[in-house]
């Protein structure tokens, strides 16, 4: 069974007949102000469903501010979702950031590196000749180093097999040569050993007060 709510009771009451009965009753002889108050009170206590109004103004996005019906009823132009006009499009100049980017960019894209048939053949020939020359130079250096190493090896073998001088046994000259005494001077050592090799500079780089 349907149970009416408190709101449905007031919604179903006819507001027109109620307001008319209030105005046509013994309160009809009141002043206009009293009539207005009675009307407002009836509206407040007995609300009626108000219909939603539809906005029927012309579209502001249409060109020239005119509605679609004024242009002959064309539905394709200016009907919903039109683009908005850019503010200050005529008065303002281009963006300085874009101008700066265009000025810094290259004017034209360089052409791709494409050679003609004869030019490409010359380029390839010169390139291959340069690679061949580099390979020959590497071979020449390696052969020269190998020859020097082999000659030193042969000399050391002769010293190792030779005996003397005098009553010295075999291999004496080889052992003396491998000690390398006096090679850097009389009673001296390599300069790498004489100078301390440090990774950081000294606290006092130069002693200006030193005298001999």
Protein backbone atom coordinates (compact mmCIF):
# COMPACT_ATOMS: atom_id res chain seq x y z
CA UNK A 1 0.00 0.00 0.00
CA UNK A 2 1.35 3.45 -0.97
CA UNK A 3 2.18 5.59 2.07
CA UNK A 4 2.25 9.31 1.20
CA UNK A 5 5.13 11.32 2.58
CA UNK A 6 5.01 14.76 4.12
CA UNK A 7 6.53 16.36 1.03
CA UNK A 8 4.18 14.63 -1.38
CA UNK A 9 1.14 15.99 0.50
CA UNK A 10 2.20 19.57 -0.09
CA UNK A 11 3.29 18.90 -3.65
CA UNK A 12 -0.11 17.51 -4.65
CA UNK A 13 -2.07 20.48 -3.27
CA UNK A 14 -3.18 22.89 -6.01
CA UNK A 15 -1.49 26.19 -5.25
CA UNK A 16 -3.65 28.16 -7.72
CA UNK A 17 -6.98 27.34 -6.08
CA UNK A 18 -5.50 27.88 -2.65
CA UNK A 19 -4.11 31.28 -3.44
CA UNK A 20 -7.38 32.24 -5.17
CA UNK A 21 -9.44 31.13 -2.19
CA UNK A 22 -7.22 33.10 0.12
CA UNK A 23 -7.57 36.21 -2.02
CA UNK A 24 -11.35 35.82 -2.62
CA UNK A 25 -12.23 35.16 1.00
CA UNK A 26 -12.74 37.66 3.78
CA UNK A 27 -9.14 38.87 3.20
CA UNK A 28 -10.00 40.40 -0.20
CA UNK A 29 -10.60 43.84 1.30
CA UNK A 30 -7.02 44.15 2.50
CA UNK A 31 -4.44 46.53 1.08
CA UNK A 32 -2.18 45.60 -1.84
CA UNK A 33 0.69 45.12 0.58
CA UNK A 34 -1.29 42.59 2.54
CA UNK A 35 -2.22 40.86 -0.69
CA UNK A 36 1.45 40.59 -1.64
CA UNK A 37 2.35 39.15 1.76
CA UNK A 38 -0.44 36.60 1.48
CA UNK A 39 0.71 35.57 -1.96
CA UNK A 40 4.33 35.20 -0.80
CA UNK A 41 3.29 33.21 2.24
CA UNK A 42 1.27 30.86 0.09
CA UNK A 43 4.21 30.41 -2.20
CA UNK A 44 6.56 29.63 0.67
CA UNK A 45 4.36 27.13 2.48
CA UNK A 46 2.99 25.45 -0.64
CA UNK A 47 5.81 25.30 -3.22
CA UNK A 48 5.01 24.35 -6.76
CA UNK A 49 7.35 22.55 -9.15
CA UNK A 50 9.16 25.23 -11.17
CA UNK A 51 10.02 24.38 -14.75
CA UNK A 52 13.67 24.87 -15.77
CA UNK A 53 14.18 27.63 -18.30
CA UNK A 54 16.22 26.95 -21.41
CA UNK A 55 18.84 29.50 -22.45
CA UNK A 56 17.91 30.61 -25.95
CA UNK A 57 20.38 33.46 -26.51
CA UNK A 58 22.43 33.56 -29.67
CA UNK A 59 25.83 31.89 -29.72
CA UNK A 60 28.61 34.34 -28.93
CA UNK A 61 31.18 32.23 -30.77
CA UNK A 62 29.44 32.79 -34.10
CA UNK A 63 31.19 35.16 -36.49
CA UNK A 64 30.03 38.73 -36.05
CA UNK A 65 27.95 37.89 -32.96
CA UNK A 66 24.92 36.86 -35.09
CA UNK A 67 22.82 33.81 -34.51
CA UNK A 68 22.60 30.89 -36.88
CA UNK A 69 19.02 31.67 -37.84
CA UNK A 70 20.00 35.16 -39.00
CA UNK A 71 22.37 33.66 -41.60
CA UNK A 72 19.72 31.61 -43.34
CA UNK A 73 19.65 28.63 -40.98
CA UNK A 74 23.04 27.13 -41.83
CA UNK A 75 23.70 24.51 -39.22
CA UNK A 76 27.31 23.78 -40.23
CA UNK A 77 28.77 27.16 -39.21
CA UNK A 78 28.82 28.43 -35.67
CA UNK A 79 26.79 25.57 -34.25
CA UNK A 80 28.40 24.53 -30.99
CA UNK A 81 32.10 24.32 -30.11
CA UNK A 82 33.24 27.28 -32.20
CA UNK A 83 36.79 28.52 -31.78
CA UNK A 84 37.30 31.53 -29.58
CA UNK A 85 38.95 34.59 -30.99
CA UNK A 86 42.49 35.18 -29.88
CA UNK A 87 42.79 38.23 -27.70
CA UNK A 88 45.01 40.89 -29.16
CA UNK A 89 45.82 38.94 -32.31
CA UNK A 90 45.97 42.09 -34.45
CA UNK A 91 47.59 44.52 -32.05
CA UNK A 92 50.31 42.29 -30.57
CA UNK A 93 53.42 41.19 -32.47
CA UNK A 94 55.00 37.72 -32.59
CA UNK A 95 56.33 36.15 -29.44
CA UNK A 96 59.97 37.27 -28.89
CA UNK A 97 60.92 33.77 -27.74
CA UNK A 98 59.78 32.29 -31.04
CA UNK A 99 61.60 35.02 -32.95
CA UNK A 100 64.80 34.27 -31.00
CA UNK A 101 64.50 30.55 -31.73
CA UNK A 102 63.99 31.21 -35.42
CA UNK A 103 66.99 33.52 -35.54
CA UNK A 104 69.27 30.98 -33.84
CA UNK A 105 68.13 28.07 -35.99
CA UNK A 106 69.91 27.40 -39.29
CA UNK A 107 68.37 29.10 -42.27
CA UNK A 108 68.31 26.05 -44.51
CA UNK A 109 68.82 22.36 -43.96
CA UNK A 110 72.18 21.27 -45.42
CA UNK A 111 71.97 19.00 -48.39
CA UNK A 112 72.80 15.34 -47.81
CA UNK A 113 76.33 14.21 -48.64
CA UNK A 114 75.81 12.62 -52.04
CA UNK A 115 78.57 12.30 -54.59
CA UNK A 116 78.35 11.70 -58.27
CA UNK A 117 79.65 8.44 -59.67
CA UNK A 118 83.15 9.65 -60.60
CA UNK A 119 83.50 11.80 -57.48
CA UNK A 120 82.44 8.93 -55.24
CA UNK A 121 84.94 6.67 -57.00
CA UNK A 122 87.74 9.21 -56.44
CA UNK A 123 86.76 9.62 -52.81
CA UNK A 124 86.71 5.86 -52.26
CA UNK A 125 90.09 5.44 -54.00
CA UNK A 126 91.75 8.14 -51.87
CA UNK A 127 90.25 6.70 -48.70
CA UNK A 128 91.44 3.18 -49.47
CA UNK A 129 94.90 4.50 -50.38
CA UNK A 130 95.13 6.34 -47.05
CA UNK A 131 94.14 3.19 -45.15
CA UNK A 132 96.74 1.18 -47.09
CA UNK A 133 99.43 3.75 -46.27
CA UNK A 134 98.58 3.62 -42.55
CA UNK A 135 98.74 -0.16 -42.56
CA UNK A 136 102.15 -0.12 -44.25
CA UNK A 137 103.43 2.40 -41.68
CA UNK A 138 102.29 0.20 -38.81
CA UNK A 139 103.98 -2.82 -40.37
CA UNK A 140 107.18 -0.86 -40.92
CA UNK A 141 107.33 0.31 -37.29
CA UNK A 142 106.62 -3.16 -35.94
CA UNK A 143 109.31 -4.68 -38.18
CA UNK A 144 111.84 -2.07 -37.09
CA UNK A 145 111.15 -2.71 -33.42
CA UNK A 146 111.38 -6.44 -34.00
CA UNK A 147 114.74 -6.03 -35.77
CA UNK A 148 116.14 -3.92 -32.90
CA UNK A 149 114.93 -6.39 -30.30
CA UNK A 150 116.41 -9.29 -32.23
CA UNK A 151 119.77 -7.56 -32.58
CA UNK A 152 119.92 -6.87 -28.81
CA UNK A 153 118.97 -10.45 -28.11
CA UNK A 154 121.81 -11.71 -30.34
CA UNK A 155 124.31 -9.37 -28.65
CA UNK A 156 123.29 -10.54 -25.18
CA UNK A 157 123.64 -14.17 -26.30
CA UNK A 158 127.19 -13.50 -27.50
CA UNK A 159 128.08 -11.89 -24.17
CA UNK A 160 126.59 -14.80 -22.25
CA UNK A 161 128.66 -17.35 -24.21
CA UNK A 162 131.92 -15.36 -24.09
CA UNK A 163 134.48 -15.93 -21.33
CA UNK A 164 136.96 -13.38 -19.96
CA UNK A 165 138.51 -11.00 -19.80
CA UNK A 166 141.53 -12.79 -18.34
CA UNK A 167 140.58 -15.60 -16.09
CA UNK A 168 136.93 -14.57 -15.85
CA UNK A 169 134.50 -17.37 -16.39
CA UNK A 170 131.86 -17.52 -19.10
CA UNK A 171 128.97 -15.07 -18.77
CA UNK A 172 130.85 -12.42 -16.78
CA UNK A 173 130.40 -9.71 -19.38
CA UNK A 174 126.70 -10.51 -19.65
CA UNK A 175 126.19 -10.13 -15.91
CA UNK A 176 128.03 -6.81 -15.80
CA UNK A 177 125.98 -5.52 -18.75
CA UNK A 178 122.73 -6.44 -17.06
CA UNK A 179 123.71 -4.56 -13.86
CA UNK A 180 123.86 -1.28 -15.85
CA UNK A 181 126.37 0.39 -13.53
CA UNK A 182 127.40 3.89 -14.60
CA UNK A 183 124.75 4.00 -17.28
CA UNK A 184 123.28 7.30 -16.01
CA UNK A 185 126.67 8.82 -15.09
CA UNK A 186 129.44 8.31 -12.53
CA UNK A 187 127.88 7.09 -9.30
CA UNK A 188 124.42 8.34 -10.26
CA UNK A 189 120.93 7.00 -10.40
CA UNK A 190 118.02 7.62 -12.79
CA UNK A 191 116.42 11.03 -12.46
CA UNK A 192 113.07 9.38 -11.69
CA UNK A 193 114.60 8.00 -8.49
CA UNK A 194 116.35 11.26 -7.54
CA UNK A 195 113.18 13.36 -7.72
CA UNK A 196 110.32 12.33 -5.47
CA UNK A 197 107.30 11.51 -7.57
CA UNK A 198 104.29 12.95 -5.74
CA UNK A 199 100.70 13.28 -6.88
CA UNK A 200 100.11 16.58 -5.05
CA UNK A 201 102.32 19.72 -4.92
CA UNK A 202 104.34 20.55 -1.82
CA UNK A 203 103.19 23.01 0.79
CA UNK A 204 106.20 25.21 -0.05
CA UNK A 205 106.74 24.95 -3.81
CA UNK A 206 109.97 26.98 -3.89
CA UNK A 207 112.42 27.90 -1.13
CA UNK A 208 113.45 31.46 -1.98
CA UNK A 209 115.73 31.78 1.06
CA UNK A 210 118.01 28.92 0.09
CA UNK A 211 121.66 29.77 -0.70
CA UNK A 212 124.61 27.57 -1.60
